[in-house]
Amino acid sequence: MRIGIVGGTGDIGEGMALRLSSTHEVIVGSREAEKAIASCTACEEMLSERGLECSLLGVGNQAAVDAADVVVLALPFKHVAGTLQSLCGFEDKIVITPVNPIERSTYFYYAPPPEGSAAMLVKKLLPESATVCAAFNNIAAKKWKILDEVLDYSVAVCCDDESAKRQVMDLVNGISELKAYDAGPLAAASMVESVTPLLLNVGRLNKLRDAGVRFV
């Protein structure tokens, strides 16, 4: 599978590249291709030290979309609309959004757009033939890059297309010890996204690092 990561030089993007590139072709995108190339070089060195081969390519965001079968939007919510409006070529692709619209006052809280969730906004901004799936929303960003730690979270997946949902769930289940769960249609993504500010508040107030979700 060729996986393009838009905004692939942040913690989530780099971490996903590290964990996926040994079993998939990963194309890391950035607004600046040079930054994506440098990120891939660092990832390759880290994986090589562990004796792992990988397939990584650093490019601009548009090139990452063009080359991919599946596109991951590893973006802060505030950059989602502007970035998607600057790109094209999403037709007939699966687009994964781990994006959570969160604000902070004295605590973290869910701040969805008028569409109801980041996932529904992404769907609105993309061509009708693109299939949007919400996944990976509740995984602590920094945990992705710590390769010596097992990722044993549960991952809720929301999507309107059953075939695409299954592909995304298979992708989830191939990463460390993550376990994918069918969480319903894309309209249910607001419930998944809103768990993240809860985890941030619980973690901060109870001195828990990288709190996550596990269904038992």
C-alpha atoms as a PDB file:
ATOM      1  CA  MET A   1       0.000   0.000   0.000  1.00  0.00           C
ATOM      2  CA  ARG A   2       1.271   3.479  -0.861  1.00  0.00           C
ATOM      3  CA  ILE A   3       0.504   5.818   2.014  1.00  0.00           C
ATOM      4  CA  GLY A   4       0.874   9.566   1.580  1.00  0.00           C
ATOM      5  CA  ILE A   5       1.116  11.676   4.715  1.00  0.00           C
ATOM      6  CA  VAL A   6       0.090  15.311   4.287  1.00  0.00           C
ATOM      7  CA  GLY A   7       1.776  17.384   6.965  1.00  0.00           C
ATOM      8  CA  GLY A   8       4.122  14.490   7.574  1.00  0.00           C
ATOM      9  CA  THR A   9       6.882  16.288   9.463  1.00  0.00           C
ATOM     10  CA  GLY A  10       5.063  16.777  12.786  1.00  0.00           C
ATOM     11  CA  ASP A  11       5.060  14.259  15.640  1.00  0.00           C
ATOM     12  CA  ILE A  12       2.146  12.235  14.291  1.00  0.00           C
ATOM     13  CA  GLY A  13       3.344  12.291  10.686  1.00  0.00           C
ATOM     14  CA  GLU A  14       6.920  11.336  11.492  1.00  0.00           C
ATOM     15  CA  GLY A  15       5.795   8.698  13.965  1.00  0.00           C
ATOM     16  CA  MET A  16       3.429   7.117  11.454  1.00  0.00           C
ATOM     17  CA  ALA A  17       6.184   7.159   8.840  1.00  0.00           C
ATOM     18  CA  LEU A  18       8.505   5.359  11.247  1.00  0.00           C
ATOM     19  CA  ARG A  19       5.965   2.693  12.108  1.00  0.00           C
ATOM     20  CA  LEU A  20       4.513   2.145   8.622  1.00  0.00           C
ATOM     21  CA  SER A  21       7.486   2.385   6.277  1.00  0.00           C
ATOM     22  CA  SER A  22       8.848  -1.084   7.036  1.00  0.00           C
ATOM     23  CA  THR A  23       5.707  -2.692   5.613  1.00  0.00           C
ATOM     24  CA  HIS A  24       4.322  -0.035   3.237  1.00  0.00           C
ATOM     25  CA  GLU A  25       5.566   2.566   0.784  1.00  0.00           C
ATOM     26  CA  VAL A  26       5.325   5.855   2.675  1.00  0.00           C
ATOM     27  CA  ILE A  27       5.432   9.230   0.961  1.00  0.00           C
ATOM     28  CA  VAL A  28       5.979  12.025   3.463  1.00  0.00           C
ATOM     29  CA  GLY A  29       4.586  15.390   2.384  1.00  0.00           C
ATOM     30  CA  SER A  30       5.239  18.882   3.665  1.00  0.00           C
ATOM     31  CA  ARG A  31       4.663  22.451   2.521  1.00  0.00           C
ATOM     32  CA  GLU A  32       8.441  22.474   1.985  1.00  0.00           C
ATOM     33  CA  ALA A  33       9.761  19.388   0.214  1.00  0.00           C
ATOM     34  CA  GLU A  34      13.204  19.928   1.715  1.00  0.00           C
ATOM     35  CA  LYS A  35      11.746  19.565   5.194  1.00  0.00           C
ATOM     36  CA  ALA A  36      10.073  16.284   4.205  1.00  0.00           C
ATOM     37  CA  ILE A  37      13.337  14.990   2.728  1.00  0.00           C
ATOM     38  CA  ALA A  38      15.218  15.816   5.938  1.00  0.00           C
ATOM     39  CA  SER A  39      12.519  14.098   7.988  1.00  0.00           C
ATOM     40  CA  CYS A  40      12.757  10.949   5.874  1.00  0.00           C
ATOM     41  CA  THR A  41      16.542  10.892   6.194  1.00  0.00           C
ATOM     42  CA  ALA A  42      16.265  11.065   9.988  1.00  0.00           C
ATOM     43  CA  CYS A  43      13.634   8.304   9.984  1.00  0.00           C
ATOM     44  CA  GLU A  44      15.749   6.084   7.747  1.00  0.00           C
ATOM     45  CA  GLU A  45      18.749   6.482  10.058  1.00  0.00           C
ATOM     46  CA  MET A  46      16.649   5.628  13.108  1.00  0.00           C
ATOM     47  CA  LEU A  47      15.205   2.516  11.477  1.00  0.00           C
ATOM     48  CA  SER A  48      18.586   1.438  10.122  1.00  0.00           C
ATOM     49  CA  GLU A  49      19.999   1.510  13.649  1.00  0.00           C
ATOM     50  CA  ARG A  50      17.324  -1.056  14.533  1.00  0.00           C
ATOM     51  CA  GLY A  51      18.160  -3.215  11.525  1.00  0.00           C
ATOM     52  CA  LEU A  52      14.944  -2.354   9.733  1.00  0.00           C
ATOM     53  CA  GLU A  53      14.562  -1.668   6.034  1.00  0.00           C
ATOM     54  CA  CYS A  54      12.029   0.940   4.979  1.00  0.00           C
ATOM     55  CA  SER A  55      10.450   2.670   1.995  1.00  0.00           C
ATOM     56  CA  LEU A  56      10.349   6.437   2.540  1.00  0.00           C
ATOM     57  CA  LEU A  57      10.178   9.369   0.139  1.00  0.00           C
ATOM     58  CA  GLY A  58      10.069  13.048   1.098  1.00  0.00           C
ATOM     59  CA  VAL A  59       8.110  15.367  -1.211  1.00  0.00           C
ATOM     60  CA  GLY A  60       5.727  18.313  -1.199  1.00  0.00           C
ATOM     61  CA  ASN A  61       2.165  17.764   0.011  1.00  0.00           C
ATOM     62  CA  GLN A  62       0.707  17.683  -3.506  1.00  0.00           C
ATOM     63  CA  ALA A  63       3.184  15.043  -4.655  1.00  0.00           C
ATOM     64  CA  ALA A  64       2.322  12.950  -1.586  1.00  0.00           C
ATOM     65  CA  VAL A  65      -1.366  13.030  -2.525  1.00  0.00           C
ATOM     66  CA  ASP A  66      -0.633  12.235  -6.159  1.00  0.00           C
ATOM     67  CA  ALA A  67       1.512   9.188  -5.369  1.00  0.00           C
ATOM     68  CA  ALA A  68      -0.668   7.633  -2.673  1.00  0.00           C
ATOM     69  CA  ASP A  69      -3.473   5.099  -2.561  1.00  0.00           C
ATOM     70  CA  VAL A  70      -4.318   6.169   0.998  1.00  0.00           C
ATOM     71  CA  VAL A  71      -3.759   9.716   2.297  1.00  0.00           C
ATOM     72  CA  VAL A  72      -3.329  10.568   5.984  1.00  0.00           C
ATOM     73  CA  LEU A  73      -4.031  14.139   7.070  1.00  0.00           C
ATOM     74  CA  ALA A  74      -1.491  14.624   9.879  1.00  0.00           C
ATOM     75  CA  LEU A  75      -2.483  18.244  10.372  1.00  0.00           C
ATOM     76  CA  PRO A  76      -3.538  20.528  13.217  1.00  0.00           C
ATOM     77  CA  PHE A  77      -7.209  21.359  12.824  1.00  0.00           C
ATOM     78  CA  LYS A  78      -6.492  25.040  12.157  1.00  0.00           C
ATOM     79  CA  HIS A  79      -4.569  24.108   8.992  1.00  0.00           C
ATOM     80  CA  VAL A  80      -7.001  21.544   7.584  1.00  0.00           C
ATOM     81  CA  ALA A  81      -9.212  23.789   5.445  1.00  0.00           C
ATOM     82  CA  GLY A  82      -6.397  25.896   4.028  1.00  0.00           C
ATOM     83  CA  THR A  83      -4.268  22.878   3.202  1.00  0.00           C
ATOM     84  CA  LEU A  84      -7.037  20.894   1.534  1.00  0.00           C
ATOM     85  CA  GLN A  85      -8.135  23.910  -0.500  1.00  0.00           C
ATOM     86  CA  SER A  86      -4.583  24.189  -1.843  1.00  0.00           C
ATOM     87  CA  LEU A  87      -4.431  20.541  -2.962  1.00  0.00           C
ATOM     88  CA  CYS A  88      -6.159  18.372  -5.553  1.00  0.00           C
ATOM     89  CA  GLY A  89      -6.149  14.770  -6.735  1.00  0.00           C
ATOM     90  CA  PHE A  90      -8.073  13.126  -3.881  1.00  0.00           C
ATOM     91  CA  GLU A  91     -10.554  11.481  -6.244  1.00  0.00           C
ATOM     92  CA  ASP A  92     -11.114   7.749  -5.565  1.00  0.00           C
ATOM     93  CA  LYS A  93      -8.631   7.727  -2.666  1.00  0.00           C
ATOM     94  CA  ILE A  94      -9.116   6.773   0.967  1.00  0.00           C
ATOM     95  CA  VAL A  95      -8.395   9.758   3.188  1.00  0.00           C
ATOM     96  CA  ILE A  96      -7.713   9.124   6.881  1.00  0.00           C
ATOM     97  CA  THR A  97      -8.259  11.957   9.340  1.00  0.00           C
ATOM     98  CA  PRO A  98      -6.861  11.709  12.884  1.00  0.00           C
ATOM     99  CA  VAL A  99      -7.644  15.414  13.315  1.00  0.00           C
ATOM    100  CA  ASN A 100      -9.271  16.670  16.522  1.00  0.00           C
ATOM    101  CA  PRO A 101     -10.672  20.226  16.794  1.00  0.00           C
ATOM    102  CA  ILE A 102      -9.563  21.195  20.300  1.00  0.00           C
ATOM    103  CA  GLU A 103      -9.312  24.512  22.130  1.00  0.00           C
ATOM    104  CA  ARG A 104      -7.930  25.333  25.564  1.00  0.00           C
ATOM    105  CA  SER A 105      -8.963  27.762  28.283  1.00  0.00           C
ATOM    106  CA  THR A 106      -8.356  26.545  31.833  1.00  0.00           C
ATOM    107  CA  TYR A 107      -8.952  23.070  30.391  1.00  0.00           C
ATOM    108  CA  PHE A 108      -9.060  21.384  26.988  1.00  0.00           C
ATOM    109  CA  TYR A 109     -12.441  21.208  25.259  1.00  0.00           C
ATOM    110  CA  TYR A 110     -13.916  19.984  22.009  1.00  0.00           C
ATOM    111  CA  ALA A 111     -14.518  22.800  19.507  1.00  0.00           C
ATOM    112  CA  PRO A 112     -16.017  21.308  16.344  1.00  0.00           C
ATOM    113  CA  PRO A 113     -16.726  23.286  13.181  1.00  0.00           C
ATOM    114  CA  PRO A 114     -20.311  23.886  11.994  1.00  0.00           C
ATOM    115  CA  GLU A 115     -20.171  20.572  10.103  1.00  0.00           C
ATOM    116  CA  GLY A 116     -20.099  18.788  13.466  1.00  0.00           C
ATOM    117  CA  SER A 117     -16.620  17.284  13.396  1.00  0.00           C
ATOM    118  CA  ALA A 118     -13.260  17.626  11.697  1.00  0.00           C
ATOM    119  CA  ALA A 119     -14.058  14.457   9.760  1.00  0.00           C
ATOM    120  CA  MET A 120     -17.278  15.888   8.346  1.00  0.00           C
ATOM    121  CA  LEU A 121     -15.484  19.104   7.398  1.00  0.00           C
ATOM    122  CA  VAL A 122     -12.862  17.055   5.547  1.00  0.00           C
ATOM    123  CA  LYS A 123     -15.621  15.209   3.709  1.00  0.00           C
ATOM    124  CA  LYS A 124     -17.214  18.518   2.704  1.00  0.00           C
ATOM    125  CA  LEU A 125     -13.903  19.851   1.347  1.00  0.00           C
ATOM    126  CA  LEU A 126     -12.956  16.791  -0.698  1.00  0.00           C
ATOM    127  CA  PRO A 127     -14.375  15.440  -3.970  1.00  0.00           C
ATOM    128  CA  GLU A 128     -17.408  13.185  -3.630  1.00  0.00           C
ATOM    129  CA  SER A 129     -15.448  10.162  -4.855  1.00  0.00           C
ATOM    130  CA  ALA A 130     -12.928  10.451  -1.998  1.00  0.00           C
ATOM    131  CA  THR A 131     -13.701   8.179   0.946  1.00  0.00           C
ATOM    132  CA  VAL A 132     -13.012   9.759   4.328  1.00  0.00           C
ATOM    133  CA  CYS A 133     -12.299   7.619   7.394  1.00  0.00           C
ATOM    134  CA  ALA A 134     -11.660   8.903  10.907  1.00  0.00           C
ATOM    135  CA  ALA A 135      -8.995   6.875  12.714  1.00  0.00           C
ATOM    136  CA  PHE A 136      -6.039   7.243  15.108  1.00  0.00           C
ATOM    137  CA  ASN A 137      -7.746  10.203  16.827  1.00  0.00           C
ATOM    138  CA  ASN A 138      -7.016   9.216  20.414  1.00  0.00           C
ATOM    139  CA  ILE A 139      -3.326   8.257  20.238  1.00  0.00           C
ATOM    140  CA  ALA A 140      -0.911  10.602  21.998  1.00  0.00           C
ATOM    141  CA  ALA A 141       1.184  12.317  19.321  1.00  0.00           C
ATOM    142  CA  LYS A 142       4.558  11.778  20.980  1.00  0.00           C
ATOM    143  CA  LYS A 143       3.954   8.046  21.483  1.00  0.00           C
ATOM    144  CA  TRP A 144       4.140   7.447  17.745  1.00  0.00           C
ATOM    145  CA  LYS A 145       7.850   8.279  17.608  1.00  0.00           C
ATOM    146  CA  ILE A 146       8.973   6.242  20.614  1.00  0.00           C
ATOM    147  CA  LEU A 147       9.685   3.015  18.780  1.00  0.00           C
ATOM    148  CA  ASP A 148      10.812   1.172  21.895  1.00  0.00           C
ATOM    149  CA  GLU A 149       7.303   1.500  23.341  1.00  0.00           C
ATOM    150  CA  VAL A 150       4.409  -0.701  22.333  1.00  0.00           C
ATOM    151  CA  LEU A 151       1.279   1.029  21.064  1.00  0.00           C
ATOM    152  CA  ASP A 152      -1.494  -0.993  22.680  1.00  0.00           C
ATOM    153  CA  TYR A 153      -4.394   1.422  22.304  1.00  0.00           C
ATOM    154  CA  SER A 154      -7.843   0.711  20.911  1.00  0.00           C
ATOM    155  CA  VAL A 155      -8.565   2.664  17.713  1.00  0.00           C
ATOM    156  CA  ALA A 156     -12.122   3.611  16.784  1.00  0.00           C
ATOM    157  CA  VAL A 157     -12.676   3.808  13.016  1.00  0.00           C
ATOM    158  CA  CYS A 158     -15.597   5.731  11.490  1.00  0.00           C
ATOM    159  CA  CYS A 159     -16.392   5.536   7.783  1.00  0.00           C
ATOM    160  CA  ASP A 160     -19.404   5.367   5.471  1.00  0.00           C
ATOM    161  CA  ASP A 161     -17.858   2.833   3.086  1.00  0.00           C
ATOM    162  CA  GLU A 162     -17.516  -0.676   4.524  1.00  0.00           C
ATOM    163  CA  SER A 163     -14.728  -1.770   2.163  1.00  0.00           C
ATOM    164  CA  ALA A 164     -12.635   1.322   2.893  1.00  0.00           C
ATOM    165  CA  LYS A 165     -13.327   0.932   6.617  1.00  0.00           C
ATOM    166  CA  ARG A 166     -12.010  -2.628   6.517  1.00  0.00           C
ATOM    167  CA  GLN A 167      -8.853  -1.509   4.714  1.00  0.00           C
ATOM    168  CA  VAL A 168      -8.229   1.156   7.340  1.00  0.00           C
ATOM    169  CA  MET A 169      -8.910  -1.292  10.157  1.00  0.00           C
ATOM    170  CA  ASP A 170      -6.426  -3.733   8.629  1.00  0.00           C
ATOM    171  CA  LEU A 171      -3.881  -0.915   8.458  1.00  0.00           C
ATOM    172  CA  VAL A 172      -4.479  -0.102  12.130  1.00  0.00           C
ATOM    173  CA  ASN A 173      -4.122  -3.734  13.173  1.00  0.00           C
ATOM    174  CA  GLY A 174      -0.753  -3.963  11.440  1.00  0.00           C
ATOM    175  CA  ILE A 175       0.819  -1.280  13.652  1.00  0.00           C
ATOM    176  CA  SER A 176       2.450  -2.444  16.887  1.00  0.00           C
ATOM    177  CA  GLU A 177      -0.358  -3.819  19.098  1.00  0.00           C
ATOM    178  CA  LEU A 178      -3.089  -1.387  18.060  1.00  0.00           C
ATOM    179  CA  LYS A 179      -6.572  -2.894  17.827  1.00  0.00           C
ATOM    180  CA  ALA A 180      -9.143  -1.415  15.459  1.00  0.00           C
ATOM    181  CA  TYR A 181     -12.852  -1.250  16.278  1.00  0.00           C
ATOM    182  CA  ASP A 182     -15.745  -0.389  13.980  1.00  0.00           C
ATOM    183  CA  ALA A 183     -17.242   2.796  15.449  1.00  0.00           C
ATOM    184  CA  GLY A 184     -19.941   3.375  12.848  1.00  0.00           C
ATOM    185  CA  PRO A 185     -20.450   5.935  10.082  1.00  0.00           C
ATOM    186  CA  LEU A 186     -18.424   9.090   9.582  1.00  0.00           C
ATOM    187  CA  ALA A 187     -21.151  11.120  11.291  1.00  0.00           C
ATOM    188  CA  ALA A 188     -20.174   9.373  14.542  1.00  0.00           C
ATOM    189  CA  ALA A 189     -16.621  10.752  14.355  1.00  0.00           C
ATOM    190  CA  SER A 190     -17.528  13.671  16.617  1.00  0.00           C
ATOM    191  CA  MET A 191     -17.813  11.256  19.538  1.00  0.00           C
ATOM    192  CA  VAL A 192     -14.363   9.846  18.821  1.00  0.00           C
ATOM    193  CA  GLU A 193     -12.721  13.239  18.320  1.00  0.00           C
ATOM    194  CA  SER A 194     -14.215  14.601  21.544  1.00  0.00           C
ATOM    195  CA  VAL A 195     -12.525  11.882  23.606  1.00  0.00           C
ATOM    196  CA  THR A 196      -9.112  13.448  22.975  1.00  0.00           C
ATOM    197  CA  PRO A 197      -9.637  16.628  25.049  1.00  0.00           C
ATOM    198  CA  LEU A 198     -10.992  14.376  27.814  1.00  0.00           C
ATOM    199  CA  LEU A 199      -7.763  12.351  27.712  1.00  0.00           C
ATOM    200  CA  LEU A 200      -5.686  15.531  27.776  1.00  0.00           C
ATOM    201  CA  ASN A 201      -7.530  16.830  30.837  1.00  0.00           C
ATOM    202  CA  VAL A 202      -7.307  13.508  32.663  1.00  0.00           C
ATOM    203  CA  GLY A 203      -3.622  13.236  31.849  1.00  0.00           C
ATOM    204  CA  ARG A 204      -2.793  16.772  32.955  1.00  0.00           C
ATOM    205  CA  LEU A 205      -4.828  16.745  36.162  1.00  0.00           C
ATOM    206  CA  ASN A 206      -3.807  13.262  37.265  1.00  0.00           C
ATOM    207  CA  LYS A 207      -0.180  13.346  36.121  1.00  0.00           C
ATOM    208  CA  LEU A 208      -0.698  10.570  33.599  1.00  0.00           C
ATOM    209  CA  ARG A 209       1.559  10.570  30.560  1.00  0.00           C
ATOM    210  CA  ASP A 210       0.060   9.781  27.178  1.00  0.00           C
ATOM    211  CA  ALA A 211      -3.349   8.623  28.399  1.00  0.00           C
ATOM    212  CA  GLY A 212      -5.208   6.572  25.827  1.00  0.00           C
ATOM    213  CA  VAL A 213      -8.239   4.364  25.176  1.00  0.00           C
ATOM    214  CA  ARG A 214      -8.447   0.593  25.463  1.00  0.00           C
ATOM    215  CA  PHE A 215     -11.675  -1.372  25.066  1.00  0.00           C
ATOM    216  CA  VAL A 216     -11.851  -4.513  27.164  1.00  0.00           C
END
